[in-house]
C-alpha atoms as a PDB file:
ATOM      1  CA  MET A   1       0.000   0.000   0.000  1.00  0.00           C
ATOM      2  CA  ASN A   2       1.324   3.456  -0.874  1.00  0.00           C
ATOM      3  CA  TYR A   3       1.005   6.208   1.694  1.00  0.00           C
ATOM      4  CA  ASP A   4       0.749   9.904   1.000  1.00  0.00           C
ATOM      5  CA  PHE A   5       2.395  11.394   4.087  1.00  0.00           C
ATOM      6  CA  ASN A   6       1.122  14.812   3.084  1.00  0.00           C
ATOM      7  CA  ASP A   7      -2.447  13.518   3.369  1.00  0.00           C
ATOM      8  CA  THR A   8      -3.954  15.061   6.515  1.00  0.00           C
ATOM      9  CA  ASN A   9      -6.442  12.219   6.989  1.00  0.00           C
ATOM     10  CA  THR A  10      -3.663   9.619   6.972  1.00  0.00           C
ATOM     11  CA  LYS A  11      -1.652  11.602   9.533  1.00  0.00           C
ATOM     12  CA  ASN A  12      -4.691  12.142  11.745  1.00  0.00           C
ATOM     13  CA  GLU A  13      -5.712   8.476  11.643  1.00  0.00           C
ATOM     14  CA  ALA A  14      -2.164   7.462  12.567  1.00  0.00           C
ATOM     15  CA  LEU A  15      -2.117   9.952  15.444  1.00  0.00           C
ATOM     16  CA  GLU A  16      -5.528   8.774  16.630  1.00  0.00           C
ATOM     17  CA  GLY A  17      -4.316   5.169  16.756  1.00  0.00           C
ATOM     18  CA  TYR A  18      -1.102   6.214  18.470  1.00  0.00           C
ATOM     19  CA  TRP A  19      -2.861   8.254  21.184  1.00  0.00           C
ATOM     20  CA  ASN A  20      -5.317   5.449  21.893  1.00  0.00           C
ATOM     21  CA  GLN A  21      -2.460   3.267  23.179  1.00  0.00           C
ATOM     22  CA  TRP A  22      -2.673   4.738  26.707  1.00  0.00           C
ATOM     23  CA  PRO A  23      -5.390   4.768  29.393  1.00  0.00           C
ATOM     24  CA  TRP A  24      -5.875   8.541  29.570  1.00  0.00           C
ATOM     25  CA  GLU A  25      -7.607   9.863  32.667  1.00  0.00           C
ATOM     26  CA  TRP A  26      -7.970  13.614  32.102  1.00  0.00           C
ATOM     27  CA  PHE A  27      -8.777  15.655  29.026  1.00  0.00           C
ATOM     28  CA  PHE A  28      -8.287  19.342  29.305  1.00  0.00           C
ATOM     29  CA  THR A  29      -8.719  22.386  27.179  1.00  0.00           C
ATOM     30  CA  ALA A  30      -6.952  25.603  28.109  1.00  0.00           C
ATOM     31  CA  ARG A  31      -7.245  28.894  26.305  1.00  0.00           C
ATOM     32  CA  ILE A  32      -3.948  30.733  26.307  1.00  0.00           C
ATOM     33  CA  LYS A  33      -2.816  34.182  25.229  1.00  0.00           C
ATOM     34  CA  ASN A  34      -0.300  33.103  22.590  1.00  0.00           C
ATOM     35  CA  HIS A  35       1.829  30.195  21.401  1.00  0.00           C
ATOM     36  CA  HIS A  36       4.197  30.361  24.400  1.00  0.00           C
ATOM     37  CA  TYR A  37       2.704  27.452  26.349  1.00  0.00           C
ATOM     38  CA  GLY A  38       5.849  25.661  27.557  1.00  0.00           C
ATOM     39  CA  LEU A  39       6.297  27.559  30.821  1.00  0.00           C
ATOM     40  CA  LEU A  40       2.567  27.419  31.567  1.00  0.00           C
ATOM     41  CA  LEU A  41       2.547  23.631  31.237  1.00  0.00           C
ATOM     42  CA  LYS A  42       5.722  23.297  33.299  1.00  0.00           C
ATOM     43  CA  ARG A  43       4.288  25.354  36.177  1.00  0.00           C
ATOM     44  CA  PHE A  44       1.107  23.284  36.100  1.00  0.00           C
ATOM     45  CA  ARG A  45       2.750  19.854  35.955  1.00  0.00           C
ATOM     46  CA  VAL A  46       5.312  20.659  38.663  1.00  0.00           C
ATOM     47  CA  ALA A  47       2.574  21.837  41.042  1.00  0.00           C
ATOM     48  CA  LEU A  48       0.305  18.881  40.235  1.00  0.00           C
ATOM     49  CA  GLN A  49       3.033  16.276  40.681  1.00  0.00           C
ATOM     50  CA  LYS A  50       4.359  17.843  43.891  1.00  0.00           C
ATOM     51  CA  ASP A  51       1.003  18.458  45.590  1.00  0.00           C
ATOM     52  CA  GLU A  52      -0.637  15.171  44.589  1.00  0.00           C
ATOM     53  CA  HIS A  53       2.497  12.986  44.849  1.00  0.00           C
ATOM     54  CA  LEU A  54       1.960  11.629  41.336  1.00  0.00           C
ATOM     55  CA  GLN A  55       3.981  11.086  38.245  1.00  0.00           C
ATOM     56  CA  ILE A  56       2.107  12.398  35.236  1.00  0.00           C
ATOM     57  CA  ALA A  57       2.467  12.029  31.492  1.00  0.00           C
ATOM     58  CA  TYR A  58       0.664  13.722  28.655  1.00  0.00           C
ATOM     59  CA  VAL A  59       0.308  14.253  24.939  1.00  0.00           C
ATOM     60  CA  GLY A  60      -1.624  16.956  23.209  1.00  0.00           C
ATOM     61  CA  VAL A  61      -1.962  19.600  20.599  1.00  0.00           C
ATOM     62  CA  TYR A  62      -1.612  23.367  20.447  1.00  0.00           C
ATOM     63  CA  VAL A  63      -4.201  24.988  18.167  1.00  0.00           C
ATOM     64  CA  SER A  64      -3.896  28.583  16.968  1.00  0.00           C
ATOM     65  CA  PHE A  65      -7.345  28.898  15.371  1.00  0.00           C
ATOM     66  CA  PRO A  66      -9.861  30.382  16.129  1.00  0.00           C
ATOM     67  CA  HIS A  67      -7.926  31.404  19.267  1.00  0.00           C
ATOM     68  CA  PRO A  68      -4.789  29.954  20.878  1.00  0.00           C
ATOM     69  CA  HIS A  69      -5.601  26.931  23.033  1.00  0.00           C
ATOM     70  CA  LEU A  70      -4.316  23.540  24.161  1.00  0.00           C
ATOM     71  CA  HIS A  71      -5.995  20.136  24.171  1.00  0.00           C
ATOM     72  CA  ILE A  72      -4.200  17.655  26.396  1.00  0.00           C
ATOM     73  CA  LEU A  73      -4.662  14.002  27.334  1.00  0.00           C
ATOM     74  CA  MET A  74      -3.101  13.212  30.697  1.00  0.00           C
ATOM     75  CA  LEU A  75      -2.566  10.199  32.935  1.00  0.00           C
ATOM     76  CA  GLY A  76      -0.857   9.779  36.252  1.00  0.00           C
ATOM     77  CA  LYS A  77      -0.053   7.390  39.028  1.00  0.00           C
ATOM     78  CA  SER A  78       1.807   7.215  42.302  1.00  0.00           C
ATOM     79  CA  LYS A  79       3.963   4.517  43.815  1.00  0.00           C
ATOM     80  CA  ASN A  80       1.115   3.538  46.148  1.00  0.00           C
ATOM     81  CA  GLY A  81      -1.387   3.135  43.297  1.00  0.00           C
ATOM     82  CA  LYS A  82      -3.156   6.496  43.386  1.00  0.00           C
ATOM     83  CA  ARG A  83      -4.393   7.492  39.916  1.00  0.00           C
ATOM     84  CA  LEU A  84      -4.943  10.894  38.346  1.00  0.00           C
ATOM     85  CA  ALA A  85      -8.649  10.075  37.980  1.00  0.00           C
ATOM     86  CA  GLU A  86      -8.875  10.096  41.806  1.00  0.00           C
ATOM     87  CA  VAL A  87      -7.627  13.681  42.025  1.00  0.00           C
ATOM     88  CA  ASP A  88     -10.071  16.609  42.334  1.00  0.00           C
ATOM     89  CA  SER A  89      -9.963  17.992  38.805  1.00  0.00           C
ATOM     90  CA  SER A  90     -11.962  21.108  39.733  1.00  0.00           C
ATOM     91  CA  HIS A  91      -9.177  22.192  42.108  1.00  0.00           C
ATOM     92  CA  TRP A  92      -6.589  21.805  39.352  1.00  0.00           C
ATOM     93  CA  GLU A  93      -8.854  23.508  36.855  1.00  0.00           C
ATOM     94  CA  LYS A  94      -8.736  26.598  39.104  1.00  0.00           C
ATOM     95  CA  GLN A  95      -4.966  26.271  39.514  1.00  0.00           C
ATOM     96  CA  LEU A  96      -4.449  26.155  35.755  1.00  0.00           C
ATOM     97  CA  GLN A  97      -6.813  29.111  35.280  1.00  0.00           C
ATOM     98  CA  ASP A  98      -4.610  31.075  37.681  1.00  0.00           C
ATOM     99  CA  ILE A  99      -1.555  30.138  35.614  1.00  0.00           C
ATOM    100  CA  THR A 100      -3.071  30.855  32.185  1.00  0.00           C
ATOM    101  CA  HIS A 101      -5.320  33.767  33.253  1.00  0.00           C
ATOM    102  CA  ASN A 102      -7.872  32.247  30.923  1.00  0.00           C
ATOM    103  CA  THR A 103     -10.595  29.610  30.556  1.00  0.00           C
ATOM    104  CA  VAL A 104      -9.700  26.012  31.436  1.00  0.00           C
ATOM    105  CA  ILE A 105     -11.848  22.875  31.465  1.00  0.00           C
ATOM    106  CA  ILE A 106     -10.546  19.602  32.926  1.00  0.00           C
ATOM    107  CA  GLU A 107     -12.700  16.495  32.585  1.00  0.00           C
ATOM    108  CA  ASN A 108     -12.292  12.877  33.575  1.00  0.00           C
ATOM    109  CA  ILE A 109     -12.305  10.691  30.493  1.00  0.00           C
ATOM    110  CA  TYR A 110     -15.135   8.188  30.174  1.00  0.00           C
ATOM    111  CA  ASP A 111     -15.108   7.752  26.381  1.00  0.00           C
ATOM    112  CA  GLN A 112     -11.469   7.796  25.391  1.00  0.00           C
ATOM    113  CA  GLU A 113     -11.944   6.893  21.755  1.00  0.00           C
ATOM    114  CA  GLY A 114     -14.485   9.710  21.444  1.00  0.00           C
ATOM    115  CA  VAL A 115     -12.176  12.254  23.073  1.00  0.00           C
ATOM    116  CA  VAL A 116      -9.178  11.263  20.959  1.00  0.00           C
ATOM    117  CA  SER A 117     -11.298  11.305  17.826  1.00  0.00           C
ATOM    118  CA  TYR A 118     -12.602  14.768  18.735  1.00  0.00           C
ATOM    119  CA  MET A 119      -9.056  16.068  19.185  1.00  0.00           C
ATOM    120  CA  VAL A 120      -7.716  14.604  15.966  1.00  0.00           C
ATOM    121  CA  ARG A 121     -10.662  15.174  13.651  1.00  0.00           C
ATOM    122  CA  TYR A 122     -11.947  18.553  14.815  1.00  0.00           C
ATOM    123  CA  ASN A 123      -9.050  20.316  16.520  1.00  0.00           C
ATOM    124  CA  MET A 124      -6.170  19.987  14.127  1.00  0.00           C
ATOM    125  CA  PRO A 125      -6.826  22.520  11.372  1.00  0.00           C
ATOM    126  CA  ALA A 126      -4.271  22.414   8.570  1.00  0.00           C
ATOM    127  CA  HIS A 127      -1.260  24.634   9.248  1.00  0.00           C
ATOM    128  CA  ARG A 128      -2.819  25.941  12.479  1.00  0.00           C
ATOM    129  CA  HIS A 129      -1.788  23.335  15.009  1.00  0.00           C
ATOM    130  CA  GLU A 130       1.230  21.517  16.371  1.00  0.00           C
ATOM    131  CA  ALA A 131       1.497  18.332  18.361  1.00  0.00           C
ATOM    132  CA  LEU A 132       3.072  18.801  21.774  1.00  0.00           C
ATOM    133  CA  VAL A 133       6.206  16.906  22.664  1.00  0.00           C
ATOM    134  CA  PRO A 134       4.970  14.036  24.878  1.00  0.00           C
ATOM    135  CA  TYR A 135       5.838  14.596  28.532  1.00  0.00           C
ATOM    136  CA  ASN A 136       7.344  11.783  30.665  1.00  0.00           C
ATOM    137  CA  LYS A 137       8.136   9.194  28.043  1.00  0.00           C
ATOM    138  CA  LYS A 138       9.242   6.710  30.731  1.00  0.00           C
ATOM    139  CA  LEU A 139       5.796   6.694  32.324  1.00  0.00           C
ATOM    140  CA  LEU A 140       4.173   6.511  28.893  1.00  0.00           C
ATOM    141  CA  LYS A 141       6.263   3.434  28.127  1.00  0.00           C
ATOM    142  CA  ARG A 142       5.183   1.762  31.386  1.00  0.00           C
ATOM    143  CA  MET A 143       1.503   2.682  31.012  1.00  0.00           C
ATOM    144  CA  LYS A 144       1.086   1.701  27.361  1.00  0.00           C
ATOM    145  CA  VAL A 145      -1.690  -0.831  26.820  1.00  0.00           C
ATOM    146  CA  ASN A 146      -1.567  -3.581  24.230  1.00  0.00           C
ATOM    147  CA  GLY A 147      -4.448  -4.067  21.856  1.00  0.00           C
ATOM    148  CA  LEU A 148      -7.773  -2.355  22.395  1.00  0.00           C
ATOM    149  CA  LEU A 149      -8.417  -0.248  25.440  1.00  0.00           C
ATOM    150  CA  SER A 150     -10.339  -1.877  28.225  1.00  0.00           C
ATOM    151  CA  GLN A 151     -13.694  -0.376  29.056  1.00  0.00           C
ATOM    152  CA  THR A 152     -12.863  -0.226  32.783  1.00  0.00           C
ATOM    153  CA  HIS A 153     -11.451   3.272  33.010  1.00  0.00           C
END
């Protein structure tokens, strides 16, 4: 089979399959002022990991249209088995709003395939987005699931 790597649909389908390899727990959307999101994410993840005693990992996308914003899939766990899904997301929503000075929505994921599909199909306009560098590749390697996702998370 020949692949056209310039074909947006092919890229998006590949990314959708790739992102569905992990049991994501949070999906968040954060409006930001401009494309300088690195420090914002660092401040958020350091505070979250320190206060909740978790290791976290995430993937996501920065979108510049119609306004600058981030869509992020996140998971986390501690040495004693605590999961990110057990953390009060509304508290961290407020913390991230304080960091970004803008609108933030953090939701627990109940339909992962739907969330990933939404991100890939509707939030990656041509030439107006960029995939984030995955954070905590070691945790991502440990948390990767084989085959289809279980329906238990």
